[in-house]
N, C-alpha and C. Protein backbone atom coordinates (compact mmCIF):
# COMPACT_ATOMS: atom_id res chain seq x y z
N MET A 1 10.48 -14.93 1.34
CA MET A 1 10.59 -13.59 1.87
C MET A 1 9.27 -13.14 2.49
N LEU A 2 8.17 -13.45 1.83
CA LEU A 2 6.86 -13.06 2.36
C LEU A 2 6.61 -13.72 3.70
N ASP A 3 6.92 -15.01 3.81
CA ASP A 3 6.72 -15.72 5.08
C ASP A 3 7.55 -15.11 6.19
N ASP A 4 8.78 -14.69 5.87
CA ASP A 4 9.63 -14.04 6.86
C ASP A 4 9.03 -12.73 7.35
N ARG A 5 8.47 -11.95 6.44
CA ARG A 5 7.84 -10.67 6.82
C ARG A 5 6.62 -10.90 7.70
N VAL A 6 5.82 -11.89 7.34
CA VAL A 6 4.63 -12.20 8.13
C VAL A 6 5.04 -12.65 9.53
N ARG A 7 6.05 -13.50 9.62
CA ARG A 7 6.54 -13.98 10.89
C ARG A 7 7.08 -12.82 11.74
N ARG A 8 7.80 -11.90 11.11
CA ARG A 8 8.36 -10.74 11.83
C ARG A 8 7.25 -9.87 12.43
N ILE A 9 6.20 -9.66 11.66
CA ILE A 9 5.07 -8.85 12.15
C ILE A 9 4.49 -9.48 13.40
N GLY A 10 4.36 -10.80 13.41
CA GLY A 10 3.79 -11.48 14.57
C GLY A 10 4.73 -11.58 15.75
N GLU A 11 5.97 -12.01 15.49
CA GLU A 11 6.90 -12.28 16.59
C GLU A 11 7.61 -11.02 17.09
N ASP A 12 8.14 -10.23 16.20
CA ASP A 12 8.95 -9.07 16.60
C ASP A 12 8.13 -7.83 16.91
N LEU A 13 7.04 -7.65 16.19
CA LEU A 13 6.28 -6.41 16.33
C LEU A 13 4.97 -6.58 17.10
N GLY A 14 4.62 -7.82 17.42
CA GLY A 14 3.42 -8.07 18.21
C GLY A 14 2.12 -7.87 17.45
N GLY A 15 2.18 -7.85 16.13
CA GLY A 15 0.98 -7.67 15.32
C GLY A 15 0.44 -9.00 14.84
N SER A 16 -0.51 -8.93 13.95
CA SER A 16 -1.07 -10.15 13.36
C SER A 16 -1.38 -9.88 11.89
N VAL A 17 -1.31 -10.92 11.11
CA VAL A 17 -1.61 -10.84 9.68
C VAL A 17 -2.77 -11.78 9.40
N ALA A 18 -3.86 -11.25 8.91
CA ALA A 18 -5.05 -12.07 8.64
C ALA A 18 -4.83 -12.98 7.44
N ALA A 19 -4.15 -12.48 6.41
CA ALA A 19 -3.89 -13.27 5.20
C ALA A 19 -2.75 -12.60 4.44
N SER A 20 -2.02 -13.40 3.69
CA SER A 20 -0.97 -12.84 2.84
C SER A 20 -1.10 -13.47 1.46
N TYR A 21 -0.72 -12.73 0.44
CA TYR A 21 -0.88 -13.17 -0.93
C TYR A 21 0.40 -12.89 -1.70
N TYR A 22 0.74 -13.79 -2.60
CA TYR A 22 1.93 -13.62 -3.43
C TYR A 22 1.52 -13.62 -4.88
N ARG A 23 2.00 -12.65 -5.63
CA ARG A 23 1.74 -12.55 -7.07
C ARG A 23 3.03 -12.17 -7.78
N GLU A 24 3.16 -12.58 -9.02
CA GLU A 24 4.27 -12.16 -9.86
C GLU A 24 3.71 -11.37 -11.03
N GLY A 25 4.54 -10.49 -11.59
CA GLY A 25 4.11 -9.68 -12.72
C GLY A 25 4.12 -8.21 -12.37
N LYS A 26 3.35 -7.44 -13.11
CA LYS A 26 3.28 -6.00 -12.86
C LYS A 26 2.54 -5.75 -11.55
N PRO A 27 3.20 -5.08 -10.61
CA PRO A 27 2.59 -4.89 -9.28
C PRO A 27 1.24 -4.18 -9.33
N GLU A 28 1.14 -3.12 -10.13
CA GLU A 28 -0.12 -2.37 -10.13
C GLU A 28 -1.28 -3.22 -10.64
N LYS A 29 -1.02 -4.06 -11.63
CA LYS A 29 -2.07 -4.93 -12.16
C LYS A 29 -2.42 -6.01 -11.15
N GLY A 30 -1.40 -6.61 -10.53
CA GLY A 30 -1.64 -7.65 -9.54
C GLY A 30 -2.40 -7.16 -8.33
N LEU A 31 -2.07 -5.97 -7.86
CA LEU A 31 -2.76 -5.41 -6.69
C LEU A 31 -4.23 -5.14 -6.99
N VAL A 32 -4.50 -4.60 -8.15
CA VAL A 32 -5.89 -4.29 -8.51
C VAL A 32 -6.70 -5.58 -8.69
N LEU A 33 -6.10 -6.59 -9.33
CA LEU A 33 -6.79 -7.88 -9.51
C LEU A 33 -7.03 -8.57 -8.18
N LEU A 34 -6.05 -8.54 -7.29
CA LEU A 34 -6.22 -9.15 -5.98
C LEU A 34 -7.33 -8.46 -5.19
N ALA A 35 -7.39 -7.14 -5.26
CA ALA A 35 -8.45 -6.41 -4.57
C ALA A 35 -9.82 -6.86 -5.06
N LYS A 36 -9.94 -7.10 -6.37
CA LYS A 36 -11.21 -7.60 -6.91
C LYS A 36 -11.49 -9.01 -6.41
N GLU A 37 -10.47 -9.88 -6.43
CA GLU A 37 -10.64 -11.27 -6.03
C GLU A 37 -11.14 -11.39 -4.59
N ILE A 38 -10.58 -10.60 -3.70
CA ILE A 38 -10.96 -10.70 -2.29
C ILE A 38 -12.05 -9.71 -1.91
N ASP A 39 -12.52 -8.97 -2.90
CA ASP A 39 -13.59 -7.97 -2.71
C ASP A 39 -13.23 -6.97 -1.61
N ALA A 40 -12.03 -6.40 -1.72
CA ALA A 40 -11.55 -5.43 -0.73
C ALA A 40 -12.41 -4.17 -0.79
N GLY A 41 -12.75 -3.66 0.37
CA GLY A 41 -13.51 -2.42 0.44
C GLY A 41 -12.63 -1.19 0.33
N LEU A 42 -11.34 -1.35 0.64
CA LEU A 42 -10.38 -0.25 0.60
C LEU A 42 -9.00 -0.82 0.34
N MET A 43 -8.27 -0.19 -0.55
CA MET A 43 -6.88 -0.56 -0.80
C MET A 43 -6.00 0.47 -0.11
N VAL A 44 -5.03 0.00 0.68
CA VAL A 44 -4.10 0.88 1.35
C VAL A 44 -2.72 0.57 0.80
N ILE A 45 -2.03 1.59 0.32
CA ILE A 45 -0.72 1.40 -0.30
C ILE A 45 0.23 2.48 0.19
N GLY A 46 1.47 2.11 0.36
CA GLY A 46 2.49 3.08 0.78
C GLY A 46 2.93 3.92 -0.41
N GLY A 47 3.27 5.14 -0.15
CA GLY A 47 3.73 6.03 -1.20
C GLY A 47 4.76 6.99 -0.65
N ARG A 48 5.43 7.66 -1.54
CA ARG A 48 6.39 8.67 -1.12
C ARG A 48 6.35 9.79 -2.15
N ARG A 49 6.77 10.96 -1.70
CA ARG A 49 6.81 12.09 -2.62
C ARG A 49 7.94 11.89 -3.61
N GLN A 50 7.64 12.14 -4.87
CA GLN A 50 8.65 11.99 -5.90
C GLN A 50 9.27 13.34 -6.23
N ALA A 51 10.52 13.28 -6.59
CA ALA A 51 11.19 14.50 -7.07
C ALA A 51 10.53 14.92 -8.39
N ARG A 52 10.65 16.19 -8.72
CA ARG A 52 10.01 16.72 -9.93
C ARG A 52 10.42 15.92 -11.16
N LEU A 53 11.69 15.59 -11.29
CA LEU A 53 12.18 14.86 -12.45
C LEU A 53 11.57 13.46 -12.52
N GLU A 54 11.42 12.80 -11.37
CA GLU A 54 10.78 11.49 -11.35
C GLU A 54 9.34 11.57 -11.82
N ARG A 55 8.62 12.61 -11.40
CA ARG A 55 7.22 12.77 -11.82
C ARG A 55 7.10 12.97 -13.31
N VAL A 56 8.08 13.65 -13.93
CA VAL A 56 8.04 13.89 -15.37
C VAL A 56 8.18 12.59 -16.14
N PHE A 57 9.04 11.68 -15.64
CA PHE A 57 9.33 10.46 -16.40
C PHE A 57 8.44 9.28 -16.08
N GLY A 58 7.62 9.36 -15.09
CA GLY A 58 6.72 8.25 -14.84
C GLY A 58 6.01 8.34 -13.51
N ALA A 59 4.90 7.65 -13.46
CA ALA A 59 4.08 7.64 -12.25
C ALA A 59 4.62 6.62 -11.25
N SER A 60 4.39 6.87 -9.99
CA SER A 60 4.78 5.92 -8.95
C SER A 60 3.81 4.74 -8.96
N LEU A 61 4.18 3.70 -8.23
CA LEU A 61 3.30 2.54 -8.12
C LEU A 61 1.96 2.95 -7.52
N ALA A 62 1.98 3.78 -6.49
CA ALA A 62 0.74 4.22 -5.86
C ALA A 62 -0.16 4.95 -6.86
N GLU A 63 0.43 5.80 -7.69
CA GLU A 63 -0.37 6.52 -8.68
C GLU A 63 -0.96 5.57 -9.72
N LYS A 64 -0.19 4.57 -10.13
CA LYS A 64 -0.67 3.61 -11.12
C LYS A 64 -1.83 2.80 -10.55
N VAL A 65 -1.71 2.39 -9.29
CA VAL A 65 -2.81 1.65 -8.64
C VAL A 65 -4.04 2.55 -8.54
N LEU A 66 -3.85 3.79 -8.13
CA LEU A 66 -4.95 4.73 -7.99
C LEU A 66 -5.71 4.90 -9.31
N ARG A 67 -5.00 4.97 -10.40
CA ARG A 67 -5.64 5.13 -11.72
C ARG A 67 -6.40 3.89 -12.16
N ARG A 68 -5.89 2.70 -11.83
CA ARG A 68 -6.49 1.45 -12.30
C ARG A 68 -7.61 0.93 -11.39
N ALA A 69 -7.57 1.28 -10.13
CA ALA A 69 -8.47 0.67 -9.15
C ALA A 69 -9.93 1.07 -9.38
N ASP A 70 -10.80 0.12 -9.09
CA ASP A 70 -12.23 0.37 -9.19
C ASP A 70 -12.86 0.48 -7.81
N ARG A 71 -12.01 0.76 -6.82
CA ARG A 71 -12.46 0.92 -5.43
C ARG A 71 -11.59 1.96 -4.75
N PRO A 72 -11.93 2.42 -3.57
CA PRO A 72 -11.14 3.46 -2.90
C PRO A 72 -9.71 3.01 -2.62
N VAL A 73 -8.78 3.95 -2.75
CA VAL A 73 -7.36 3.71 -2.48
C VAL A 73 -6.88 4.78 -1.51
N LEU A 74 -6.25 4.35 -0.42
CA LEU A 74 -5.65 5.25 0.55
C LEU A 74 -4.14 5.15 0.41
N ILE A 75 -3.48 6.26 0.10
CA ILE A 75 -2.03 6.28 -0.05
C ILE A 75 -1.44 6.87 1.23
N VAL A 76 -0.59 6.09 1.89
CA VAL A 76 0.03 6.48 3.15
C VAL A 76 1.51 6.72 2.88
N ASP A 77 2.01 7.89 3.30
CA ASP A 77 3.43 8.15 3.08
C ASP A 77 4.21 8.02 4.38
N ASP A 78 5.51 8.19 4.30
CA ASP A 78 6.38 7.97 5.45
C ASP A 78 6.54 9.20 6.33
N ARG A 79 5.76 10.24 6.09
CA ARG A 79 5.88 11.45 6.90
C ARG A 79 5.16 11.35 8.22
N GLY A 80 4.48 10.26 8.45
CA GLY A 80 3.74 10.12 9.69
C GLY A 80 2.46 10.93 9.65
N SER A 81 2.07 11.45 10.79
CA SER A 81 0.80 12.18 10.87
C SER A 81 1.01 13.67 11.03
N ARG A 82 2.09 14.19 10.51
CA ARG A 82 2.36 15.64 10.65
C ARG A 82 1.27 16.50 10.03
N ASP A 83 0.76 16.09 8.88
CA ASP A 83 -0.20 16.92 8.16
C ASP A 83 -1.63 16.41 8.28
N VAL A 84 -1.91 15.60 9.29
CA VAL A 84 -3.22 15.01 9.45
C VAL A 84 -4.08 15.92 10.32
N ALA A 85 -5.34 16.06 9.95
CA ALA A 85 -6.25 16.93 10.69
C ALA A 85 -6.80 16.24 11.94
N VAL A 86 -6.67 14.92 12.03
CA VAL A 86 -7.19 14.19 13.18
C VAL A 86 -6.14 14.19 14.27
N PRO A 87 -6.50 14.60 15.50
CA PRO A 87 -5.50 14.64 16.58
C PRO A 87 -5.05 13.25 16.98
N ARG A 88 -3.79 13.15 17.42
CA ARG A 88 -3.25 11.89 17.91
C ARG A 88 -3.82 11.59 19.28
N SER A 89 -3.90 10.29 19.61
CA SER A 89 -4.30 9.88 20.95
C SER A 89 -3.18 10.15 21.92
N PRO A 90 -3.50 10.53 23.15
CA PRO A 90 -2.43 10.79 24.13
C PRO A 90 -1.69 9.53 24.53
């Protein structure tokens, strides 16, 4: 599945992937350990707003990574740049 996603980014979307990594286990632990292994300067992770009830019963993956990480974490949501202070390029 990972190889298919990497191939799609290159062929269908015109992007490039510098490296890809596969881990099994708890995602938040694996992401934090991988960031240490490759000495990442910044971790970027997707996130979404949780309903109030979801927040009561547990943290999202992004929140768990944010709590465990020993380096900066940028959480990007699916709302686009509606609430961003930086203007878009024309």
